[in-house]
Protein backbone atom coordinates (compact mmCIF):
# COMPACT_ATOMS: atom_id res chain seq x y z
CA MET A 1 133.71 127.08 74.67
CA ALA A 2 136.00 126.44 78.06
CA ALA A 3 135.70 129.02 80.49
CA ASN A 4 138.50 131.27 82.20
CA ASN A 5 138.07 132.45 85.87
CA ARG A 6 141.52 133.61 86.78
CA THR A 7 141.70 137.31 87.76
CA LEU A 8 144.34 139.19 87.15
CA THR A 9 145.74 141.55 89.40
CA SER A 10 149.19 142.62 87.45
CA SER A 11 151.04 142.83 84.04
CA ASN A 12 152.70 145.06 81.42
CA ARG A 13 149.63 146.73 80.46
CA GLN A 14 147.33 146.88 83.93
CA PRO A 15 148.24 148.18 86.87
CA HIS A 16 149.39 146.01 89.95
CA ALA A 17 146.22 145.78 92.72
CA PRO A 18 147.41 145.95 96.69
CA ALA A 19 146.31 143.14 98.62
CA GLY A 20 143.22 144.59 99.90
CA GLU A 21 141.85 147.10 97.54
CA PRO A 22 138.15 146.63 96.54
CA ASP A 23 137.10 144.68 93.19
CA GLU A 24 137.28 147.69 91.31
CA SER A 25 141.12 147.16 91.01
CA ARG A 26 140.91 143.53 90.04
CA LEU A 27 140.87 142.60 86.32
CA ILE A 28 139.49 139.46 84.57
CA GLN A 29 140.20 137.75 81.47
CA PRO A 30 136.13 136.29 79.97
CA CYS A 31 137.00 135.34 76.89
CA PRO A 32 139.42 131.89 76.59
CA PHE A 33 140.53 133.45 72.76
CA SER A 34 141.49 136.39 73.77
CA ARG A 35 143.84 136.51 76.16
CA GLY A 36 144.67 140.23 75.86
CA TYR A 37 141.40 141.34 76.40
CA ARG A 38 140.30 141.82 80.48
CA ILE A 39 137.72 143.77 81.78
CA ALA A 40 136.67 145.09 85.78
CA LEU A 41 135.64 142.59 87.96
CA ALA A 42 133.21 144.34 89.98
CA SER A 43 131.91 146.25 86.70
CA ALA A 44 131.62 143.12 84.93
CA TRP A 45 129.69 141.50 87.45
CA ARG A 46 127.42 144.44 87.96
CA SER A 47 126.38 144.03 84.03
CA LEU A 48 125.96 140.90 84.24
CA LEU A 49 123.82 141.42 87.09
CA ILE A 50 121.64 143.25 84.25
CA TYR A 51 121.60 141.55 81.61
CA GLU A 52 120.03 138.51 84.20
CA SER A 53 117.49 141.00 85.07
CA TYR A 54 116.43 141.47 81.35
CA ARG A 55 116.65 137.90 80.57
CA LEU A 56 113.96 137.22 83.03
CA VAL A 57 111.67 139.72 81.92
CA LEU A 58 112.26 138.79 78.77
CA SER A 59 111.71 134.51 79.92
CA GLY A 60 108.67 135.67 81.64
CA MET A 61 106.81 137.94 79.08
CA LEU A 62 107.37 134.80 76.65
CA LEU A 63 106.21 132.00 79.35
CA SER A 64 103.14 134.34 79.91
CA LEU A 65 101.88 134.45 75.99
CA PRO A 66 100.07 131.81 75.17
CA TYR A 67 97.75 132.60 78.18
CA ALA A 68 97.49 136.17 77.61
CA LYS A 69 96.55 135.90 74.10
CA ALA A 70 96.28 132.75 72.13
CA ASN A 71 95.43 134.62 69.23
CA HIS A 72 98.70 136.75 68.86
CA PRO A 73 100.04 137.20 65.52
CA LEU A 74 103.13 134.87 66.53
CA LEU A 75 101.51 131.91 67.27
CA GLN A 76 99.43 131.81 64.51
CA HIS A 77 101.77 129.34 62.70
CA SER A 78 103.41 127.74 65.72
CA ASP A 79 103.57 124.50 67.40
CA PRO A 80 102.07 125.77 70.57
CA LYS A 81 103.40 122.71 72.70
CA LEU A 82 106.55 122.89 71.94
CA PHE A 83 106.58 127.01 72.48
CA GLN A 84 105.84 126.37 75.86
CA ALA A 85 107.54 123.98 76.53
CA VAL A 86 110.83 125.41 75.43
CA ALA A 87 109.25 128.81 77.41
CA LEU A 88 109.18 127.25 80.44
CA ALA A 89 112.36 124.92 80.43
CA TYR A 90 113.93 129.34 79.63
CA PHE A 91 112.11 130.53 82.68
CA VAL A 92 113.71 128.11 84.67
CA LEU A 93 116.78 128.36 83.34
CA VAL A 94 117.16 131.77 83.78
CA LEU A 95 116.20 131.51 87.56
CA VAL A 96 118.80 128.94 88.12
CA ASN A 97 121.02 131.45 86.19
CA GLY A 98 119.69 134.16 88.73
CA LEU A 99 120.42 132.10 91.99
CA THR A 100 124.00 131.21 90.74
CA LEU A 101 124.74 134.57 90.36
CA LEU A 102 123.73 135.78 93.13
CA LEU A 103 126.15 132.98 95.03
CA ARG A 104 128.75 134.09 91.72
CA ARG A 105 128.97 130.65 92.13
CA PRO A 106 130.88 129.40 89.57
CA GLY A 107 132.87 132.26 88.21
CA TYR A 108 131.85 135.38 86.26
CA ALA A 109 133.27 133.81 82.87
CA THR A 110 131.54 130.53 83.04
CA GLN A 111 128.03 132.35 83.97
CA ALA A 112 128.21 134.42 81.31
CA GLN A 113 128.97 132.18 78.61
CA VAL A 114 126.42 129.77 79.69
CA GLN A 115 123.63 132.22 79.29
CA ILE A 116 125.14 133.67 75.79
CA PHE A 117 124.54 129.99 74.65
CA VAL A 118 121.49 128.98 76.51
CA ASP A 119 119.55 132.18 75.32
CA ILE A 120 121.30 130.81 71.42
CA ALA A 121 119.42 128.18 71.92
CA ALA A 122 116.23 128.93 73.47
CA ILE A 123 115.57 132.00 71.16
CA ALA A 124 116.26 129.69 68.35
CA LEU A 125 113.45 127.03 69.18
CA LEU A 126 110.89 129.56 70.18
CA THR A 127 111.69 130.89 67.00
CA HIS A 128 111.26 127.50 65.19
CA ALA A 129 107.90 127.15 67.56
CA ALA A 130 106.69 130.20 66.26
CA GLY A 131 106.85 129.70 62.89
CA GLY A 132 110.48 130.21 61.78
CA ALA A 133 112.47 133.44 60.59
CA LEU A 134 109.21 134.85 59.10
CA SER A 135 108.08 135.29 62.76
CA GLY A 136 110.86 137.98 63.38
CA LEU A 137 111.10 136.50 66.84
CA GLY A 138 115.08 135.95 66.04
CA ILE A 139 115.81 139.69 66.26
CA LEU A 140 115.96 139.24 70.11
CA LEU A 141 119.22 137.37 69.44
CA ALA A 142 120.47 140.67 68.19
CA VAL A 143 120.26 141.52 72.16
CA THR A 144 121.98 138.80 73.01
CA MET A 145 124.85 139.58 70.26
CA ALA A 146 125.29 142.60 72.38
CA ALA A 147 125.36 141.38 75.53
CA GLY A 148 128.02 138.64 74.62
CA GLY A 149 130.42 141.47 73.36
CA LEU A 150 129.88 143.60 76.14
CA LEU A 151 129.84 140.77 78.97
CA ILE A 152 132.44 138.68 76.93
CA GLY A 153 134.05 140.41 74.29
CA GLY A 154 137.13 139.40 72.33
CA ARG A 155 137.37 137.07 69.43
CA CYS A 156 133.97 134.85 71.36
CA ALA A 157 131.66 137.86 70.18
CA LEU A 158 132.13 136.06 66.74
CA VAL A 159 131.83 132.99 68.25
CA PHE A 160 128.14 133.89 69.23
CA ALA A 161 127.16 135.49 65.90
CA ALA A 162 128.50 132.43 64.23
CA LEU A 163 126.68 130.71 66.39
CA ALA A 164 123.25 133.23 66.48
CA SER A 165 123.42 132.96 62.36
CA SER A 166 123.98 129.13 62.33
CA ALA A 167 121.22 128.46 64.27
CA VAL A 168 118.63 130.71 62.33
CA LEU A 169 119.52 129.05 59.00
CA GLY A 170 119.71 125.83 60.54
CA GLU A 171 115.90 126.66 62.09
CA GLN A 172 115.32 127.71 58.46
CA VAL A 173 116.81 124.82 56.40
CA TYR A 174 114.95 122.58 58.92
CA THR A 175 111.50 124.25 58.27
CA HIS A 176 111.88 124.47 54.44
CA LEU A 177 112.94 120.78 54.44
CA ASN A 178 110.13 119.31 56.93
CA VAL A 179 107.57 121.92 57.38
CA ALA A 180 107.06 124.30 54.61
CA PHE A 181 108.73 125.58 51.43
CA ASP A 182 109.53 129.51 51.86
CA ASP A 183 112.42 131.32 49.77
CA ARG A 184 111.32 134.39 51.83
CA GLY A 185 112.80 132.97 55.06
CA TYR A 186 116.40 132.47 54.04
CA THR A 187 116.72 136.20 52.72
CA TYR A 188 115.35 136.91 56.14
CA ALA A 189 117.71 134.52 58.06
CA GLY A 190 121.09 135.82 56.01
CA ALA A 191 119.90 138.97 56.97
CA GLN A 192 119.85 138.47 60.28
CA GLY A 193 122.98 136.69 60.29
CA ALA A 194 125.13 139.76 58.97
CA ALA A 195 123.31 141.81 61.49
CA PHE A 196 124.25 139.51 64.22
CA PHE A 197 128.29 139.62 63.13
CA ALA A 198 127.67 143.52 62.84
CA ILE A 199 126.05 143.95 66.38
CA ALA A 200 129.19 141.87 67.52
CA ILE A 201 131.70 143.48 65.83
CA LEU A 202 130.07 146.73 66.86
CA ALA A 203 130.03 145.65 70.91
CA PHE A 204 133.39 144.07 70.80
CA VAL A 205 134.63 147.56 69.59
CA ALA A 206 132.58 149.29 72.55
CA ALA A 207 133.75 147.01 74.92
CA ARG A 208 137.64 147.34 74.12
CA ARG A 209 136.77 151.55 74.12
CA THR A 210 135.47 150.62 77.47
CA GLU A 211 138.26 148.37 78.49
CA HIS A 212 140.65 150.69 77.41
CA SER A 213 139.22 153.64 79.40
CA ASP A 214 138.88 151.04 82.17
CA ALA A 215 142.61 150.57 82.40
CA LEU A 216 143.56 153.98 82.38
CA ALA A 217 141.30 154.68 85.49
CA LEU A 218 142.93 152.09 87.21
CA GLN A 219 146.12 153.19 86.20
CA ARG A 220 145.60 156.61 87.31
CA GLY A 221 143.63 155.26 90.47
CA ALA A 222 147.00 153.09 90.99
CA ASP A 223 149.47 156.03 90.45
CA LEU A 224 147.05 158.36 92.80
CA ILE A 225 147.52 155.58 95.28
CA ASP A 226 150.92 155.31 95.03
CA LEU A 227 151.69 159.30 95.22
CA ARG A 228 149.70 158.91 98.24
CA GLN A 229 152.23 156.70 100.12
CA LEU A 230 154.88 158.30 98.63
CA ASN A 231 154.21 161.38 100.14
CA GLU A 232 152.75 159.71 103.73
CA TYR A 233 156.09 157.82 103.50
CA ILE A 234 158.06 161.24 102.60
CA VAL A 235 156.41 163.23 105.67
CA GLN A 236 156.44 160.08 107.95
CA HIS A 237 160.19 160.05 108.22
CA LEU A 238 161.14 163.77 107.59
CA GLN A 239 163.18 164.53 110.41
CA SER A 240 161.18 167.88 111.14
CA GLY A 241 157.67 167.82 112.45
CA ILE A 242 154.91 168.56 110.50
CA VAL A 243 151.12 169.09 111.46
CA VAL A 244 148.29 170.00 109.49
CA VAL A 245 145.20 171.82 110.17
CA ASP A 246 141.93 173.46 108.80
CA ASP A 247 139.85 175.70 109.81
CA THR A 248 138.33 174.51 112.44
CA LEU A 249 141.26 173.45 114.38
CA HIS A 250 140.82 169.84 113.17
CA ILE A 251 144.27 167.92 112.88
CA VAL A 252 144.55 166.77 109.08
CA THR A 253 147.60 164.87 109.83
CA ALA A 254 150.55 164.70 111.56
CA ASN A 255 153.95 162.79 111.31
CA ARG A 256 156.08 160.59 113.65
CA ALA A 257 158.29 163.36 114.16
CA ALA A 258 155.98 165.92 115.14
CA LEU A 259 154.29 163.35 117.41
CA GLN A 260 157.54 163.28 119.18
CA LEU A 261 157.97 166.56 119.70
CA LEU A 262 155.18 167.32 121.13
CA ASN A 263 154.94 164.12 123.58
CA LEU A 264 151.92 162.20 121.61
CA GLY A 265 151.08 158.96 121.00
CA ALA A 266 148.78 158.99 118.59
CA ALA A 267 147.06 162.29 116.82
CA PRO A 268 144.45 163.86 118.97
CA ALA A 269 141.51 165.34 116.50
CA GLY A 270 142.37 168.73 117.51
CA LEU A 271 144.75 171.13 117.95
CA ASP A 272 143.70 172.12 121.70
CA ILE A 273 144.07 168.50 122.75
CA ALA A 274 147.67 168.11 120.78
CA SER A 275 149.09 171.43 122.33
CA PRO A 276 147.04 174.01 124.57
CA GLU A 277 150.96 175.82 123.74
CA LEU A 278 150.91 175.56 120.22
CA LEU A 279 147.05 176.64 120.21
CA GLU A 280 148.40 179.88 121.68
CA LYS A 281 150.84 180.45 119.04
CA TYR A 282 149.10 179.94 116.33
CA ARG A 283 146.02 181.85 117.42
CA ASP A 284 148.98 185.06 117.71
CA TRP A 285 150.01 183.58 113.93
CA LEU A 286 146.37 184.23 113.10
CA ALA A 287 146.13 187.64 113.99
CA HIS A 288 149.44 188.80 112.90
CA PRO A 289 150.49 186.51 109.96
CA LEU A 290 153.57 187.93 109.51
CA GLU A 291 155.13 186.47 112.51
CA ASP A 292 155.40 183.30 111.40
CA TYR A 293 157.60 181.57 113.55
CA ALA A 294 157.90 180.95 117.66
CA THR A 295 159.58 178.79 120.41
CA LEU A 296 158.14 176.26 122.46
CA GLU A 297 159.81 174.89 125.48
CA ARG A 298 159.16 170.69 125.52
CA VAL A 299 159.27 169.10 129.05
CA SER A 300 162.66 167.95 129.21
CA GLY A 301 163.93 171.46 128.83
CA ASN A 302 164.41 171.58 125.13
CA ARG A 303 163.23 173.77 122.43
CA VAL A 304 160.93 173.62 119.48
CA GLN A 305 161.61 175.79 116.76
CA VAL A 306 157.70 176.23 115.42
CA ARG A 307 157.34 177.92 111.95
CA PHE A 308 153.35 178.68 110.09
CA SER A 309 152.71 178.71 106.63
CA ARG A 310 149.45 178.39 104.83
CA PHE A 311 148.33 176.27 101.65
CA ALA A 312 145.38 177.15 100.20
CA ALA A 313 143.18 174.17 98.40
CA ARG A 314 140.90 174.39 95.99
CA SER A 315 137.53 174.22 98.23
CA ARG A 316 139.60 175.18 101.71
CA HIS A 317 142.92 176.09 102.74
CA TYR A 318 144.63 174.21 105.51
CA ASP A 319 147.28 175.75 107.77
CA MET A 320 151.06 173.93 107.67
CA ILE A 321 152.65 173.65 111.21
CA PHE A 322 156.52 172.79 110.66
CA LEU A 323 158.06 171.82 114.39
CA GLU A 324 161.86 171.57 114.57
CA ASP A 325 163.98 170.00 117.60
CA ASP A 326 166.15 172.99 118.53
CA ALA A 327 169.18 170.72 118.17
CA LEU A 328 168.64 170.46 114.56
CA TYR A 329 168.35 174.14 114.48
CA ASN A 330 171.39 174.49 116.13
CA GLN A 331 172.86 171.52 114.25
CA ARG A 332 172.81 172.94 111.08
CA VAL A 333 173.68 176.88 112.37
CA GLN A 334 176.98 175.23 114.13
CA ARG A 335 177.42 173.69 110.51
CA SER A 336 177.49 177.32 108.96
CA LYS A 337 179.35 179.15 111.72
CA LEU A 338 182.28 175.63 111.45
CA ALA A 339 182.38 176.73 107.36
CA SER A 340 182.68 180.78 107.89
CA LEU A 341 185.27 180.09 110.58
CA GLY A 342 186.98 177.37 108.55
CA ARG A 343 187.10 180.19 106.05
CA LEU A 344 188.66 182.83 108.96
CA THR A 345 191.38 180.52 110.45
CA ALA A 346 193.32 179.71 107.14
CA SER A 347 193.71 183.81 107.12
CA ILE A 348 194.92 183.58 110.86
CA ALA A 349 197.59 180.46 110.61
CA HIS A 350 198.93 182.89 107.99
CA GLU A 351 199.13 186.38 109.06
CA ILE A 352 199.33 185.26 112.95
CA ARG A 353 201.58 181.93 112.82
CA ASN A 354 204.30 183.44 110.76
CA PRO A 355 204.83 185.95 112.61
CA LEU A 356 204.47 184.08 115.72
CA SER A 357 207.27 181.68 114.91
CA ALA A 358 209.51 184.68 114.27
CA VAL A 359 209.04 185.73 117.37
CA THR A 360 209.25 182.74 119.19
CA HIS A 361 212.42 182.08 117.15
CA ALA A 362 214.04 184.93 118.39
CA ALA A 363 213.54 184.78 121.99
CA GLN A 364 215.04 181.25 121.86
CA LEU A 365 218.44 183.03 120.20
CA LEU A 366 218.43 185.81 123.05
CA ALA A 367 217.99 182.94 125.49
CA GLU A 368 220.92 181.14 124.16
CA ASN A 369 222.97 184.54 124.36
CA PRO A 370 225.55 183.67 127.34
CA GLN A 371 226.38 187.51 128.69
CA LEU A 372 221.78 187.69 129.24
CA SER A 373 221.14 189.26 132.73
CA PRO A 374 219.26 186.66 134.48
CA GLN A 375 216.47 190.18 134.60
CA ASP A 376 216.33 189.48 130.90
CA ARG A 377 216.25 185.74 130.54
CA ARG A 378 213.20 186.18 133.03
CA LEU A 379 211.52 188.49 130.41
CA THR A 380 212.49 185.86 127.31
CA GLU A 381 210.68 183.09 129.30
CA ILE A 382 207.87 185.19 129.42
CA MET A 383 207.74 186.26 125.89
CA MET A 384 208.17 182.30 125.22
CA ASP A 385 205.56 181.49 127.68
CA ASN A 386 203.32 183.51 125.79
CA ALA A 387 204.18 182.88 122.49
CA ALA A 388 203.35 179.59 123.59
CA ARG A 389 199.47 180.07 124.41
CA VAL A 390 199.05 182.42 121.74
CA ASP A 391 200.43 179.21 119.47
CA THR A 392 197.78 177.37 121.78
CA VAL A 393 195.22 179.36 120.76
CA VAL A 394 195.31 179.12 116.88
CA GLU A 395 196.08 175.52 116.63
CA ASN A 396 192.52 174.63 119.24
CA ILE A 397 191.03 177.84 116.02
CA LEU A 398 192.23 175.36 113.47
CA GLN A 399 191.45 172.20 114.86
CA LEU A 400 187.57 173.74 115.48
CA SER A 401 187.82 174.86 111.69
CA ARG A 402 188.73 171.46 110.53
CA ARG A 403 185.88 169.62 112.41
CA SER A 404 184.30 167.42 109.83
CA PRO A 405 181.01 166.50 110.23
CA SER A 406 179.69 163.88 112.91
CA ARG A 407 179.64 160.54 111.96
CA ARG A 408 177.32 159.46 114.54
CA ALA A 409 176.81 155.57 116.05
CA THR A 410 174.95 153.57 118.59
CA LEU A 411 176.20 153.80 121.26
CA ASP A 412 175.95 152.01 125.02
CA ILE A 413 177.06 154.89 127.04
CA GLY A 414 177.61 152.95 129.69
CA GLU A 415 179.87 150.50 128.44
CA TRP A 416 181.68 153.23 126.40
CA LEU A 417 182.43 155.15 129.45
CA GLU A 418 183.92 151.89 131.08
CA GLN A 419 185.89 152.19 128.10
CA PHE A 420 186.85 155.95 128.63
CA PHE A 421 188.05 155.72 131.84
CA SER A 422 189.90 151.97 131.60
CA ASP A 423 191.86 153.90 128.55
CA GLY A 424 192.40 156.78 130.64
CA TYR A 425 193.65 154.76 133.70
CA ARG A 426 196.07 153.30 131.98
CA SER A 427 197.77 155.87 129.95
CA GLU A 428 197.34 158.05 133.44
CA THR A 429 195.85 160.80 132.11
CA LEU A 430 192.91 160.53 134.24
CA PRO A 431 193.70 159.04 137.88
CA ARG A 432 192.49 156.40 139.18
CA ASP A 433 191.33 157.21 142.52
CA VAL A 434 190.57 160.51 141.91
CA PHE A 435 187.10 159.53 139.68
CA ASP A 436 183.98 157.81 140.60
CA TYR A 437 181.75 156.22 138.08
CA GLN A 438 178.82 154.87 138.54
CA ARG A 439 177.67 152.65 135.45
CA PRO A 440 174.05 152.41 135.08
CA GLY A 441 172.20 148.89 136.40
CA ALA A 442 170.45 148.89 132.27
CA PRO A 443 171.72 149.87 128.90
CA VAL A 444 171.81 153.21 127.79
CA ARG A 445 172.03 153.76 124.07
CA VAL A 446 172.89 157.09 122.41
CA ALA A 447 173.55 157.91 118.93
CA ALA A 448 176.92 160.03 118.91
CA ASP A 449 179.81 160.17 117.42
CA PRO A 450 182.70 158.04 119.47
CA GLU A 451 185.82 160.39 118.90
CA GLN A 452 183.75 163.71 118.96
CA LEU A 453 182.17 162.39 122.71
CA ARG A 454 185.59 161.40 123.26
CA GLN A 455 187.01 165.25 123.35
CA ILE A 456 183.69 166.45 125.26
CA LEU A 457 184.03 164.25 128.00
CA GLU A 458 188.20 164.58 128.05
CA ASN A 459 187.82 168.29 128.48
CA LEU A 460 184.97 167.91 130.53
CA CYS A 461 187.16 165.82 133.27
CA GLY A 462 190.30 167.87 133.02
CA ASN A 463 188.52 170.42 133.79
CA ALA A 464 187.18 168.81 137.07
CA LEU A 465 190.68 168.05 137.79
CA LYS A 466 191.73 171.29 137.39
CA TYR A 467 189.06 173.57 138.99
CA GLY A 468 187.11 170.71 141.13
CA CYS A 469 189.37 170.69 144.33
CA PRO A 470 189.35 166.68 143.68
CA GLU A 471 191.07 166.56 147.28
CA GLN A 472 188.07 167.50 148.78
CA GLY A 473 186.51 164.32 147.29
CA LYS A 474 186.19 162.27 144.25
CA ILE A 475 185.04 163.53 140.78
CA VAL A 476 181.54 161.85 140.04
CA VAL A 477 180.44 160.24 136.82
CA ARG A 478 177.16 158.82 136.24
CA VAL A 479 174.33 158.24 133.44
CA THR A 480 170.68 159.20 133.65
CA SER A 481 168.11 157.65 130.79
CA GLN A 482 165.12 159.70 130.53
CA PRO A 483 166.99 161.60 128.58
CA PRO A 484 169.93 159.97 128.39
CA CYS A 485 172.70 162.21 129.77
CA VAL A 486 176.21 162.02 131.23
CA GLU A 487 177.18 163.93 134.17
CA VAL A 488 180.09 165.25 135.71
CA VAL A 489 180.45 166.53 139.47
CA ASP A 490 182.96 168.19 141.28
CA HIS A 491 183.60 169.45 145.01
CA GLY A 492 184.96 173.11 143.47
CA PRO A 493 183.88 176.17 144.42
CA GLY A 494 181.51 176.20 141.92
CA ILE A 495 180.46 178.65 139.25
CA ALA A 496 178.55 181.99 139.92
CA PRO A 497 175.05 182.05 138.22
CA LYS A 498 175.02 185.10 136.59
CA LEU A 499 178.74 183.55 134.79
CA ALA A 500 176.82 180.10 133.93
CA GLU A 501 176.41 181.23 130.33
CA GLN A 502 179.42 182.87 129.53
CA ILE A 503 182.06 179.85 130.81
CA PHE A 504 180.66 178.66 126.78
CA GLU A 505 182.13 181.77 125.13
CA PRO A 506 184.66 181.47 123.61
CA PHE A 507 188.26 182.84 124.84
CA TYR A 508 186.15 182.98 128.37
CA THR A 509 188.71 181.76 130.69
CA SER A 510 189.15 182.27 135.38
CA SER A 511 192.80 181.11 134.69
CA PHE A 512 195.67 183.28 133.25
CA SER A 513 197.10 179.74 131.88
CA SER A 514 193.88 178.63 130.03
CA THR A 515 193.11 179.20 126.71
CA GLY A 516 189.20 179.88 127.13
CA LEU A 517 188.27 177.70 124.85
CA GLY A 518 187.77 174.44 125.93
CA LEU A 519 184.10 174.71 127.04
CA TYR A 520 183.13 176.14 124.18
CA ILE A 521 184.67 173.68 121.59
CA ALA A 522 182.92 171.24 123.59
CA ARG A 523 179.66 172.73 123.40
CA GLU A 524 180.45 173.22 119.33
CA LEU A 525 180.91 169.44 119.02
CA ALA A 526 177.98 168.42 121.40
CA GLU A 527 175.33 170.67 119.09
CA LEU A 528 177.06 169.05 116.31
CA ASN A 529 176.60 165.28 117.85
CA GLN A 530 172.72 167.25 118.36
CA ALA A 531 173.59 166.91 121.75
CA ARG A 532 173.13 170.07 124.50
CA LEU A 533 175.93 170.60 127.08
CA SER A 534 174.69 172.59 130.04
CA TYR A 535 175.97 173.84 133.64
CA ILE A 536 173.96 173.28 136.80
CA PRO A 537 174.92 173.78 140.25
CA ALA A 538 175.49 170.73 142.57
CA ALA A 539 173.24 169.97 144.97
CA GLY A 540 175.29 170.53 147.95
CA GLY A 541 178.16 172.76 146.35
CA GLY A 542 180.61 172.42 143.38
CA SER A 543 179.35 172.32 139.46
CA CYS A 544 177.59 169.87 137.63
CA PHE A 545 178.17 169.49 133.83
CA ARG A 546 175.44 167.74 131.83
CA LEU A 547 175.71 166.31 128.56
CA CYS A 548 172.39 165.25 127.51
CA LEU A 549 172.84 163.29 124.16
CA ARG A 550 170.18 161.71 121.33
CA ASP A 551 168.43 158.34 121.95
CA ALA A 552 169.12 156.27 119.84
CA GLU A 553 165.83 154.78 118.88
CA GLU A 554 164.85 158.85 118.57
CA ALA A 555 167.72 159.15 116.06
CA GLY A 556 167.20 155.81 113.95
CA ARG A 557 163.48 157.47 112.98
CA GLU A 558 165.50 160.51 111.18
CA LEU A 559 165.89 160.38 107.12
């Protein structure tokens, strides 16, 4: 019988065993006549080791039997020399099988089949040496049949039963023809043959049930592994940071976003090591469970929104800490605000623009009257100027409400700014002799919507031209890399500290000719791109508007 040692790791009925998994997840096809029958390799080796132990004890007892008790009933009608020779050969073969089993060379199927064949041949010869079928020694083949059904199974179990039955009947025929005539041996040999087939079939059925149980266990194990890997992948690629701690403040898991927000390279063992400030917020939450929101200040100046939640498992509870970059939080808020503003401005367009158009048209008709006095003509000009200003305010609000979500791309901000100024110089919207663009020495890659970034820079550069006193010095535009920021620095009078935040509010302006929406729109666009626009006083006087953008590498990790 050819041995089949091929190890199977995947089929339409069995789960796939990932590389590096233990032998329990590998299957083997031990019977070449039953290609659909497979057993777990590791459990098969263990079963074969148990059977080898039984064979070692059995062969030792049979070898010692003539020496221990010469008048034993098994030896009364025996051939002592033949019995001793066969028992010795059987014992030696069992020892050799034990050595190959420890080395696992050759493969499992070969070793199992050889052991069954050796047992059938040895026990048949020992039965003959002990006096034939009536000696009762042939009943040992029942154990061999059961082992064959469990260790190899499939149709091979029936082959083993056929061989054992043939050996028992053959021994009886040989004894009948050459030694002594005894009809009782045929009946006994026939009964043994039938028992062998029954045992082989029962062992095969039991093995099939075991196979199905093992296959189901392997499938469930593979499903659990897949589910665990899927959950881990989802958690690791979430934009929000997640930290799970147990009741001893030990960090069970932390995803990449959490490590990044906490400025950690790897997850430490305890929450106290990861972030003492976060630990303090966590203890505040334990003392006041209803207050499950908090805020952390990062080294870069950005804030992190923190939320706490408890997960109760069967054996113990775990606390989950959700961390979210304030830029992401503000981005969602801005989208919600813009959606609400869009509904509002649809009404504004109808309720304000239509009457405004009528007022403007009436003022234009009135200005065309040749009999209008210079004083009245001046009044019509004031009406038209203010109507145009109101129309500009409405247009800016409508433009803001129609903002589409940012379509961010990876940009080399140094190269992009050079193209921005080149276009501005060519169109004469940016005077060449006014701006001093300082390009960074190394590429600085950011994630931003190019069109929205252009609108922000046009607004900042326009304000610097208007209020930054360019006649006192060039307006400096420079790039920093850690974190990636664009700074627009002028030499104007600057802004009072108490007004620094108000300048980003809608309709705030210090100029009669301005709508007060420019910086507000610029900050809204920045937050849509997860960027941050802020004002800082320039060293030596003047103003500095800093636009901190999202690093391209960090943005690439988001879902």
